[in-house]
Amino acid sequence: YDVLVIKMDLQEFLEIGSLLELYKNLLSEKQKEYLIEHFEKDYSLSEIANTHNVSRQAVSDNIKRGIKLLNEYEKKLKMFEQKRKLRERLESLEKDFRLKVLENIMDELL
């Protein structure tokens, strides 16, 4: 069983998937491929290593560096946080629609 997955709970796994969606084009091609295969296609580290003819350790190291970069990008750019806050505001608006609240949300986006 892959150690990387064991150390990560479901919430962290989902968050990395979301960060990957936002920032994957800022990663190296190798990191992007490994992270997509691991987080989106659910490949094990061994499967990724076999596919790319590299060691499991090389895959693990690249994924760890990629995750670190994704977190650094989020810390600086905060796109995931902004998206999460917007979603919360829209969900509350859906429950209690008021035109003024919608206008405020739209003004903040522009």
Protein backbone atom coordinates (compact mmCIF):
# COMPACT_ATOMS: atom_id res chain seq x y z
CA TYR A 1 0.00 0.00 0.00
CA ASP A 2 1.30 3.47 -0.82
CA VAL A 3 2.60 5.40 2.18
CA LEU A 4 1.75 8.76 0.60
CA VAL A 5 -1.96 7.93 0.53
CA ILE A 6 -1.97 6.53 4.07
CA LYS A 7 -0.61 9.79 5.51
CA MET A 8 -3.31 11.87 3.81
CA ASP A 9 -6.92 11.95 4.95
CA LEU A 10 -9.83 12.28 2.53
CA GLN A 11 -10.21 16.05 3.07
CA GLU A 12 -6.54 16.65 2.28
CA PHE A 13 -6.78 14.37 -0.77
CA LEU A 14 -9.77 16.32 -2.09
CA GLU A 15 -8.10 19.66 -1.42
CA ILE A 16 -4.97 18.61 -3.32
CA GLY A 17 -7.24 17.55 -6.20
CA SER A 18 -8.83 21.00 -6.21
CA LEU A 19 -5.46 22.76 -6.03
CA LEU A 20 -4.24 20.57 -8.88
CA GLU A 21 -7.21 21.62 -10.99
CA LEU A 22 -6.36 25.29 -10.40
CA TYR A 23 -2.56 25.27 -10.57
CA LYS A 24 -1.50 22.19 -12.57
CA ASN A 25 -0.18 24.25 -15.47
CA LEU A 26 2.34 25.87 -13.12
CA LEU A 27 3.99 22.50 -12.36
CA SER A 28 6.67 20.72 -14.36
CA GLU A 29 5.31 18.24 -16.92
CA LYS A 30 6.52 15.29 -14.84
CA GLN A 31 4.95 16.59 -11.62
CA LYS A 32 1.73 17.36 -13.44
CA GLU A 33 1.56 13.88 -14.98
CA TYR A 34 2.31 12.10 -11.69
CA LEU A 35 -0.15 14.20 -9.69
CA ILE A 36 -2.94 13.77 -12.25
CA GLU A 37 -2.35 10.03 -12.39
CA HIS A 38 -2.32 9.77 -8.60
CA PHE A 39 -5.09 12.18 -7.60
CA GLU A 40 -7.42 12.13 -10.61
CA LYS A 41 -6.88 8.67 -12.08
CA ASP A 42 -6.26 7.01 -8.69
CA TYR A 43 -3.08 5.23 -9.79
CA SER A 44 -0.83 3.85 -7.07
CA LEU A 45 2.78 5.02 -6.85
CA SER A 46 3.86 1.62 -8.18
CA GLU A 47 1.56 1.91 -11.19
CA ILE A 48 2.89 5.38 -11.98
CA ALA A 49 6.49 4.18 -11.56
CA ASN A 50 5.90 1.24 -13.91
CA THR A 51 4.17 3.43 -16.50
CA HIS A 52 7.06 5.91 -16.59
CA ASN A 53 9.84 3.38 -16.03
CA VAL A 54 11.14 5.13 -12.90
CA SER A 55 11.44 4.12 -9.26
CA ARG A 56 8.57 4.37 -6.80
CA GLN A 57 10.77 6.71 -4.77
CA ALA A 58 11.18 9.06 -7.75
CA VAL A 59 7.40 9.19 -8.17
CA SER A 60 6.87 9.77 -4.45
CA ASP A 61 9.48 12.56 -4.36
CA ASN A 62 7.96 14.28 -7.41
CA ILE A 63 4.46 14.06 -5.97
CA LYS A 64 5.61 15.45 -2.62
CA ARG A 65 7.40 18.36 -4.33
CA GLY A 66 4.34 18.95 -6.50
CA ILE A 67 2.04 19.05 -3.46
CA LYS A 68 4.41 21.48 -1.76
CA LEU A 69 4.34 23.73 -4.83
CA LEU A 70 0.53 23.57 -5.07
CA ASN A 71 0.30 24.67 -1.43
CA GLU A 72 2.81 27.48 -2.03
CA TYR A 73 0.82 28.71 -5.05
CA GLU A 74 -2.37 28.68 -3.00
CA LYS A 75 -0.68 30.53 -0.14
CA LYS A 76 0.34 33.28 -2.57
CA LEU A 77 -2.59 33.38 -5.01
CA LYS A 78 -5.49 32.18 -2.79
CA MET A 79 -7.60 31.07 -5.76
CA PHE A 80 -8.94 27.99 -3.95
CA GLU A 81 -9.85 30.06 -0.89
CA GLN A 82 -11.63 32.67 -3.03
CA LYS A 83 -13.52 29.95 -4.87
CA ARG A 84 -14.54 28.32 -1.56
CA LYS A 85 -15.76 31.64 -0.12
CA LEU A 86 -17.73 32.45 -3.27
CA ARG A 87 -19.35 29.01 -3.16
CA GLU A 88 -20.36 29.55 0.48
CA ARG A 89 -21.87 32.93 -0.32
CA LEU A 90 -23.78 31.56 -3.30
CA GLU A 91 -25.07 28.63 -1.25
CA SER A 92 -26.35 31.02 1.43
CA LEU A 93 -27.88 33.20 -1.28
CA GLU A 94 -29.64 30.14 -2.68
CA LYS A 95 -31.27 29.55 0.72
CA ASP A 96 -32.26 33.18 1.26
CA PHE A 97 -32.27 35.07 -2.03
CA ARG A 98 -32.07 38.83 -1.84
CA LEU A 99 -31.21 40.96 -4.84
CA LYS A 100 -28.99 43.28 -2.80
CA VAL A 101 -26.84 40.35 -1.62
CA LEU A 102 -26.47 39.15 -5.22
CA GLU A 103 -25.46 42.64 -6.30
CA ASN A 104 -22.85 42.77 -3.52
CA ILE A 105 -21.37 39.44 -4.63
CA MET A 106 -21.25 40.59 -8.24
CA ASP A 107 -19.62 43.90 -7.27
CA GLU A 108 -16.92 42.03 -5.34
CA LEU A 109 -16.15 39.87 -8.36
CA LEU A 110 -15.64 42.86 -10.64
